[in-house]
Amino acid sequence: MLVVLVFHTDSLVHGRSPATAGTWISPLLAFVRCSGVAAVDLFFALSSFLLCLPFIAAARQQRAPSVRRYFVRRALRILPIYYAFVVLAAAVTAHGWTDLGHALPYLVFANAWRGVATPLGWFSDVWWSLATESQFYLVLPLAAWWCRTRRGRWLGLLALSGYVAAYVGWLRGTFAPPLPAQQVAIAYSLFGHGSVFLMGAAVAWLFDRHGARLAARWHARAWLRRGGADALVLSVIVAVGCVLSWVGWIGLWWSELPPWHAYHDAMAVLAGLFIALITLAPAGLSRYLLSTRPLRRLGVLSYSMYLVHMPVLGYGMQRARAAFGLPGLVGWNWRTALLVACLWTLCVLLAETTYRLIEQPFLMRKDRLGGHEPSGSASVAPSLPST
């Protein structure tokens, strides 16, 4: 969430995302300028990791998980605060009563298809990821059903092979919609981000089947305990920065079109390595940093922050520039830094409020349902955003 917040803030401070195409920028700067969509890859992989764990455990124990409970828990986790923001966005952006109908496509995540949903100001810019996530929610129980029997596993393998062939064909340009906007819609869908979700599922399988043995083996390695694991985590982060530098050189918009979109596959591998190291390796310093109180709280508030931050930053900067004049509030300077500090503080306060008033009551109901689905990240690793 923090990376997404920094990326959107930097883009809005400059008035739009700074052009980097054709220019090689450092990996550190790339985390600021180019990490928007790529940062969501880690969330997708982590979400897949956490949600696949109970299904994998059920398949290993040869029992059937409750699909109904799964969907009810997902609805209680995702929908209440999201629906509240959809209604708020429709009301804020409406010019008449009929405009309130613009909320309807978002309520069923139809914004995944270009041209179906009307943009709702600064609110809806980041909702594409929720549409992609909802597609994964629908597919996951089917994939789990395939894994329960030998015949199902063959059907699943056939479906997976078909997906891989179609995805490679799309990257190679074997089939492609005529309009770039349609290509971007495919790129942002579950189809375009399938490798990220599959990597999360693969790490979940590794964690379930071999996690205890791998953790014991890795913790027995002196060089890993004495900083080697932290060095590996840092190496993964540096590798992510290098990939983002390449994305910046291609250009943020063009990098989502085939064949450049394949950088998400590299991000999937790096996200998988990061999750595996954080959950299984003796990564002392990196685990400590992720466990600090501010980051743990940000992990708890991550969903509220994700929904809150764009309208607060977008409308806040828009109003400030209208009130105080444009020249002094474009680009980084002491004025924009002060404005950003105020807007970030407001984001945190609003996220705390929406979490306590909307998210938390429904999360308590979700936890009372029981089941084997992890209610958050605490059962796996410190400070990872709750699902």
Foldseek 3Di string as FASTA:
>chain_A
DVLQLLQVLQQVLQPGQDAQAQHQDFLVVLSRRFCNVLVVLLVLLQVLLQQLQQLLVCLVVLHQFDLVLLVLLVCLQPPFLQLVLLQVLQVVQDPDPVSSCLSVCVNVLVVLAPPPHDDRPLQCPPCLLVSQVVVVSVCSSLLSVLSNDPNSVVVNVVVVVVLVVVLVCQQVPVDDDPDLVRQLSCCSHCSNLVLSSVLSNVLSNCCNPPQVVLLVVQAVDPCQLVCPLLVVLVVLSSVSSNLSSVCSNNTNSNCSHHPNSCSSNVSSVSSSVNLSSQQRHNNPPVQVVLQDPVLLVCLALVVLLSSQQRVLSVVQLVVVCVVPNDPVSHDDDPVVVVSSVVSVVVSVVRSVVCCVPTSVVSLVVSVVVDGDRDQACPVGGGSHHGD
